[in-house]
Amino acid sequence: MKPPFKTLSTEDIQYFIFNIKEKFSLELSEKLNPIQIENKTFELEPYYSKDLQTRILRIGPLIFIEVAGNIFNEDYITPETLKNRILELKEHLGLLYIDNMRSILFVRPTVYVENPLPRTRFLLNPHTILPIAEMLAYCEEFMGKSGLDLGAGDGLLARVALRLGAFNMTLIDWNDLQLEKAKVFLDEDGYSKTKIIQENLLDHPLPILLKNDPSIQNTHFIVSNIGTHDRIEDGNRASLNIIRELSGINLFIHAGYTDHDLQDRTSFLEIQKNLMKIDFNITSYRYFWNPVHSIKRVGVTALIARKRIPES
């Protein structure tokens, strides 16, 4: 089976980018290094409008488009307003959206204070971009499978998994405002029946509750983006507890860790060690998040863990 997203040819990409730049008066922010995973390369192209009302990012075959609204003057919009703005974007894009809808994901980003790059021009942070590239590189792992998105926020990783052919997804997060956004985006993507659970990952009964939920017992994979530095260690511990309880998990993709942050590096080594104890093989990928001609090198690392197959 082929993934449900449209594989864009070089000509498709050039045509789409040319036309969308015209529609939104966009400029290329900076040429970023591509992401290399195994033998696959994913180009990154970030664009932004001068008024910062619209930012766009291409990651390989997927196009991420910001829902209009200045992030500095408007911290929160209602689900109804978000839905209306998505509809306005679709109308504005017209045939560009109709012809490429399987490759387009609308997003409403959060500003990450820790991001060392000019956050005004970049739509997604590197800790999110790298696991998305990993998911694209291993897209066959998602076809027809069920998954969990831990620390789901607005559900971006879950939506990518669904675009890659996942059978269904369950989103878990404690933040009701983020989950409201997730519901709108999922509805607009055509995944209105996706299960959303508002729970704190750190609640001890949660892994048992998930284990006893018939709709989750057969989950095959987990994608996770825990969030801020101060929550990574606890988030990792919660992820491991859930993996231990759900015996069907055979794939775990964890969002990026910042190389220069000691707490991040320590957490990264710790979760690798604990995953290996429960029979997972670990592959990590590193990406230097910096413009091609920049001297400063900002590194992030993300991991893919696969359940070890017992030798017969």
Protein backbone atom coordinates (compact mmCIF):
# COMPACT_ATOMS: atom_id res chain seq x y z
CA MET A 1 0.00 0.00 0.00
CA LYS A 2 1.14 3.52 -0.74
CA PRO A 3 1.02 6.23 1.93
CA PRO A 4 -2.08 8.45 1.64
CA PHE A 5 -0.05 11.63 1.29
CA LYS A 6 0.82 12.76 -2.21
CA THR A 7 4.48 12.20 -3.08
CA LEU A 8 5.52 15.50 -4.63
CA SER A 9 7.88 15.47 -7.58
CA THR A 10 10.49 18.21 -7.91
CA GLU A 11 8.25 19.90 -10.47
CA ASP A 12 5.22 19.61 -8.13
CA ILE A 13 7.17 21.24 -5.32
CA GLN A 14 8.49 24.06 -7.46
CA TYR A 15 5.02 24.79 -8.84
CA PHE A 16 3.39 24.70 -5.41
CA ILE A 17 6.02 26.88 -3.72
CA PHE A 18 6.00 29.42 -6.57
CA ASN A 19 2.23 29.82 -6.41
CA ILE A 20 1.91 29.86 -2.65
CA LYS A 21 4.67 32.49 -2.40
CA GLU A 22 2.65 34.64 -4.77
CA LYS A 23 -0.59 34.17 -2.82
CA PHE A 24 0.92 35.07 0.57
CA SER A 25 3.83 37.34 -0.49
CA LEU A 26 6.31 34.95 1.14
CA GLU A 27 10.07 35.05 1.32
CA LEU A 28 12.47 32.18 1.92
CA SER A 29 13.59 32.60 5.53
CA GLU A 30 16.96 30.88 5.31
CA LYS A 31 18.21 27.83 3.48
CA LEU A 32 18.40 25.05 6.06
CA ASN A 33 20.41 21.87 5.94
CA PRO A 34 18.35 18.87 4.79
CA ILE A 35 17.68 16.01 7.21
CA GLN A 36 19.38 12.72 6.36
CA ILE A 37 17.85 9.52 7.77
CA GLU A 38 19.32 6.25 6.56
CA ASN A 39 19.43 6.64 2.79
CA LYS A 40 16.60 9.19 2.63
CA THR A 41 16.98 12.95 2.45
CA PHE A 42 14.28 15.44 3.41
CA GLU A 43 14.65 19.03 2.26
CA LEU A 44 13.57 21.83 4.61
CA GLU A 45 12.23 25.08 3.19
CA PRO A 46 10.91 27.71 5.62
CA TYR A 47 9.00 30.72 4.26
CA TYR A 48 7.43 33.69 6.00
CA SER A 49 5.55 36.86 5.18
CA LYS A 50 7.03 40.19 6.22
CA ASP A 51 4.10 40.90 8.51
CA LEU A 52 4.66 37.48 10.18
CA GLN A 53 1.00 36.64 9.67
CA THR A 54 1.85 33.57 7.61
CA ARG A 55 4.67 31.07 7.86
CA ILE A 56 5.11 27.91 5.83
CA LEU A 57 7.51 25.00 6.19
CA ARG A 58 8.14 22.15 3.78
CA ILE A 59 9.53 18.92 5.24
CA GLY A 60 10.11 16.59 2.33
CA PRO A 61 6.67 15.78 0.83
CA LEU A 62 4.65 17.56 3.55
CA ILE A 63 3.71 21.25 3.59
CA PHE A 64 2.89 22.88 6.95
CA ILE A 65 0.91 26.13 6.76
CA GLU A 66 0.29 28.44 9.68
CA VAL A 67 -3.28 29.44 10.40
CA ALA A 68 -3.42 33.22 10.15
CA GLY A 69 -2.95 35.21 13.32
CA ASN A 70 -0.06 37.10 14.81
CA ILE A 71 1.49 34.88 17.49
CA PHE A 72 2.65 37.84 19.53
CA ASN A 73 -0.68 39.61 19.76
CA GLU A 74 -3.03 36.66 19.98
CA ASP A 75 -2.09 33.89 22.39
CA TYR A 76 -5.43 32.12 22.18
CA ILE A 77 -8.28 31.89 19.70
CA THR A 78 -11.51 29.98 20.17
CA PRO A 79 -12.04 26.66 18.36
CA GLU A 80 -14.74 28.31 16.26
CA THR A 81 -12.38 31.10 15.17
CA LEU A 82 -9.64 28.57 14.40
CA LYS A 83 -12.06 26.54 12.29
CA ASN A 84 -13.21 29.62 10.39
CA ARG A 85 -9.64 30.67 9.66
CA ILE A 86 -8.78 27.22 8.34
CA LEU A 87 -11.77 27.44 6.01
CA GLU A 88 -10.64 30.90 4.89
CA LEU A 89 -7.18 29.51 4.17
CA LYS A 90 -8.60 26.66 2.12
CA GLU A 91 -10.70 29.11 0.09
CA HIS A 92 -7.72 31.39 -0.42
CA LEU A 93 -5.55 28.51 -1.59
CA GLY A 94 -8.27 27.30 -3.94
CA LEU A 95 -7.05 24.70 -6.43
CA LEU A 96 -3.63 24.67 -4.76
CA TYR A 97 -5.30 23.14 -1.72
CA ILE A 98 -7.59 20.80 -3.65
CA ASP A 99 -4.71 19.43 -5.73
CA ASN A 100 -2.35 19.02 -2.75
CA MET A 101 -4.64 18.54 0.27
CA ARG A 102 -3.05 15.21 1.26
CA SER A 103 0.32 16.94 1.57
CA ILE A 104 -0.89 20.03 3.48
CA LEU A 105 -1.24 20.25 7.26
CA PHE A 106 -2.48 23.44 8.89
CA VAL A 107 -0.84 24.29 12.20
CA ARG A 108 -1.23 26.81 14.98
CA PRO A 109 2.22 26.86 16.60
CA THR A 110 3.25 27.68 20.13
CA VAL A 111 6.26 29.94 20.65
CA TYR A 112 9.05 27.97 22.35
CA VAL A 113 11.02 30.32 24.56
CA GLU A 114 14.09 28.03 24.56
CA ASN A 115 14.42 28.05 20.76
CA PRO A 116 17.74 29.82 20.06
CA LEU A 117 16.85 30.70 16.48
CA PRO A 118 14.84 33.72 15.27
CA ARG A 119 11.47 32.36 16.30
CA THR A 120 9.66 34.97 14.24
CA ARG A 121 10.53 33.23 10.97
CA PHE A 122 10.35 29.51 11.71
CA LEU A 123 7.03 27.72 11.86
CA LEU A 124 8.03 24.57 13.79
CA ASN A 125 10.86 24.03 16.23
CA PRO A 126 13.62 21.47 15.54
CA HIS A 127 12.41 19.10 18.28
CA THR A 128 9.23 18.62 16.25
CA ILE A 129 10.77 18.69 12.76
CA LEU A 130 13.23 15.83 13.38
CA PRO A 131 10.66 13.23 14.56
CA ILE A 132 8.40 14.17 11.64
CA ALA A 133 11.29 13.40 9.29
CA GLU A 134 11.83 10.09 11.13
CA MET A 135 8.16 9.23 10.64
CA LEU A 136 8.44 10.00 6.93
CA ALA A 137 11.56 7.86 6.63
CA TYR A 138 9.80 4.88 8.22
CA CYS A 139 6.31 5.55 6.86
CA GLU A 140 5.66 1.85 6.22
CA GLU A 141 5.69 1.28 10.00
CA PHE A 142 2.40 3.20 10.36
CA MET A 143 0.27 1.66 7.62
CA GLY A 144 -2.88 0.14 9.09
CA LYS A 145 -1.58 0.36 12.67
CA SER A 146 -3.00 1.98 15.83
CA GLY A 147 -0.99 4.51 17.80
CA LEU A 148 -0.77 6.79 20.82
CA ASP A 149 0.41 10.41 20.79
CA LEU A 150 1.76 11.21 24.27
CA GLY A 151 1.98 14.88 25.20
CA ALA A 152 -0.06 15.39 22.05
CA GLY A 153 -0.63 19.14 22.34
CA ASP A 154 -2.51 20.15 19.19
CA GLY A 155 -2.03 16.65 17.77
CA LEU A 156 0.50 17.38 15.04
CA LEU A 157 2.46 14.10 15.32
CA ALA A 158 -0.81 12.13 15.44
CA ARG A 159 -2.01 13.90 12.31
CA VAL A 160 1.23 13.08 10.51
CA ALA A 161 0.83 9.42 11.52
CA LEU A 162 -2.73 9.42 10.15
CA ARG A 163 -1.50 10.93 6.89
CA LEU A 164 1.03 8.11 6.72
CA GLY A 165 -1.76 5.56 6.86
CA ALA A 166 -2.25 4.85 10.58
CA PHE A 167 -5.55 3.07 11.23
CA ASN A 168 -6.37 5.22 14.26
CA MET A 169 -4.73 7.41 16.89
CA THR A 170 -5.39 8.24 20.54
CA LEU A 171 -4.19 11.63 21.79
CA ILE A 172 -3.26 12.16 25.44
CA ASP A 173 -2.49 15.54 27.01
CA TRP A 174 -3.44 17.48 30.13
CA ASN A 175 -3.87 20.86 28.38
CA ASP A 176 -7.52 21.40 27.46
CA LEU A 177 -6.76 24.44 25.29
CA GLN A 178 -4.29 22.49 23.16
CA LEU A 179 -6.69 19.56 22.86
CA GLU A 180 -9.41 21.95 21.70
CA LYS A 181 -7.10 22.93 18.83
CA ALA A 182 -6.32 19.27 18.15
CA LYS A 183 -10.04 18.51 17.83
CA VAL A 184 -10.49 21.28 15.26
CA PHE A 185 -7.48 20.20 13.19
CA LEU A 186 -8.52 16.53 13.28
CA ASP A 187 -12.07 17.42 12.23
CA GLU A 188 -10.76 19.50 9.33
CA ASP A 189 -8.43 16.66 8.29
CA GLY A 190 -11.35 14.24 8.22
CA TYR A 191 -10.43 12.34 11.40
CA SER A 192 -13.30 13.48 13.61
CA LYS A 193 -13.60 10.08 15.37
CA THR A 194 -10.08 10.20 16.75
CA LYS A 195 -10.02 9.49 20.48
CA ILE A 196 -8.79 12.31 22.74
CA ILE A 197 -7.99 11.75 26.42
CA GLN A 198 -7.39 14.70 28.75
CA GLU A 199 -5.15 13.24 31.44
CA ASN A 200 -1.84 14.09 33.04
CA LEU A 201 0.80 11.63 31.83
CA LEU A 202 2.31 11.69 35.31
CA ASP A 203 -0.83 10.27 36.95
CA HIS A 204 0.12 6.82 38.20
CA PRO A 205 -3.19 5.07 37.33
CA LEU A 206 -2.99 6.18 33.66
CA PRO A 207 -0.95 3.21 32.29
CA ILE A 208 -3.37 0.76 33.92
CA LEU A 209 -6.38 2.67 32.58
CA LEU A 210 -4.92 2.49 29.08
CA LYS A 211 -4.15 -1.21 29.45
CA ASN A 212 -7.76 -1.89 30.40
CA ASP A 213 -9.21 0.19 27.56
CA PRO A 214 -10.26 -2.23 24.76
CA SER A 215 -9.73 0.45 22.10
CA ILE A 216 -6.09 0.92 23.17
CA GLN A 217 -5.02 -2.63 24.05
CA ASN A 218 -3.90 -3.35 20.47
CA THR A 219 -1.82 -0.19 20.06
CA HIS A 220 1.29 -0.82 17.95
CA PHE A 221 3.27 2.42 18.18
CA ILE A 222 3.80 5.57 20.23
CA VAL A 223 4.88 9.03 19.09
CA SER A 224 5.81 11.47 21.83
CA ASN A 225 6.70 15.13 22.17
CA ILE A 226 6.72 15.79 25.91
CA GLY A 227 7.52 19.47 25.62
CA THR A 228 9.57 21.80 27.80
CA HIS A 229 12.96 20.85 29.28
CA ASP A 230 11.70 20.75 32.87
CA ARG A 231 9.14 18.05 32.02
CA ILE A 232 11.24 15.69 29.89
CA GLU A 233 12.51 13.46 32.69
CA ASP A 234 9.04 12.91 34.17
CA GLY A 235 7.57 12.55 30.69
CA ASN A 236 10.09 9.87 29.78
CA ARG A 237 9.25 7.95 32.94
CA ALA A 238 5.54 8.14 32.11
CA SER A 239 6.17 6.96 28.53
CA LEU A 240 8.15 3.96 29.77
CA ASN A 241 5.40 3.00 32.23
CA ILE A 242 2.84 3.05 29.40
CA ILE A 243 5.10 0.99 27.11
CA ARG A 244 5.54 -1.60 29.87
CA GLU A 245 1.77 -1.95 30.33
CA LEU A 246 0.89 -2.11 26.61
CA SER A 247 2.61 -5.27 25.44
CA GLY A 248 1.73 -4.68 21.79
CA ILE A 249 3.95 -1.61 21.43
CA ASN A 250 6.73 -2.35 18.95
CA LEU A 251 7.69 1.16 17.81
CA PHE A 252 8.41 4.32 19.82
CA ILE A 253 9.41 7.63 18.24
CA HIS A 254 10.51 10.30 20.69
CA ALA A 255 10.88 13.98 19.82
CA GLY A 256 14.22 15.70 19.78
CA TYR A 257 16.61 16.49 22.61
CA THR A 258 18.84 19.57 22.56
CA ASP A 259 22.49 18.56 22.40
CA HIS A 260 23.87 21.51 24.36
CA ASP A 261 21.41 21.09 27.27
CA LEU A 262 22.80 18.88 30.05
CA GLN A 263 19.35 17.89 31.34
CA ASP A 264 18.27 16.93 27.82
CA ARG A 265 21.39 14.82 27.23
CA THR A 266 21.02 13.06 30.59
CA SER A 267 17.35 12.29 29.90
CA PHE A 268 18.20 11.01 26.43
CA LEU A 269 20.79 8.56 27.76
CA GLU A 270 18.48 7.46 30.56
CA ILE A 271 15.53 6.63 28.33
CA GLN A 272 17.77 4.72 25.91
CA LYS A 273 19.10 2.61 28.77
CA ASN A 274 15.60 1.86 30.09
CA LEU A 275 14.21 1.01 26.66
CA MET A 276 17.01 -1.47 26.07
CA LYS A 277 16.14 -3.13 29.39
CA ILE A 278 12.66 -3.92 28.04
CA ASP A 279 13.99 -5.37 24.77
CA PHE A 280 13.96 -2.39 22.43
CA ASN A 281 16.66 -1.65 19.86
CA ILE A 282 17.53 2.04 19.67
CA THR A 283 18.47 4.13 16.64
CA SER A 284 19.13 7.83 17.16
CA TYR A 285 19.38 10.56 14.55
CA ARG A 286 21.10 13.88 14.95
CA TYR A 287 20.36 17.06 13.06
CA PHE A 288 22.21 20.36 13.16
CA TRP A 289 19.49 22.96 13.12
CA ASN A 290 21.25 25.86 11.49
CA PRO A 291 21.20 27.70 8.18
CA VAL A 292 23.54 26.29 5.54
CA HIS A 293 25.99 29.17 5.76
CA SER A 294 25.81 29.66 9.52
CA ILE A 295 28.83 29.12 11.76
CA LYS A 296 26.73 28.43 14.85
CA ARG A 297 25.69 24.76 15.11
CA VAL A 298 22.56 23.93 17.09
CA GLY A 299 22.13 20.17 17.40
CA VAL A 300 19.06 18.10 18.22
CA THR A 301 18.80 14.33 18.53
CA ALA A 302 15.69 12.13 18.33
CA LEU A 303 15.30 8.40 18.70
CA ILE A 304 13.43 5.49 17.18
CA ALA A 305 13.02 2.39 19.36
CA ARG A 306 11.86 -0.94 17.91
CA LYS A 307 10.84 -4.00 19.87
CA ARG A 308 13.53 -6.67 19.61
CA ILE A 309 12.35 -9.75 17.74
CA PRO A 310 13.20 -12.89 19.71
CA GLU A 311 15.53 -15.28 17.93
CA SER A 312 13.76 -18.47 16.91
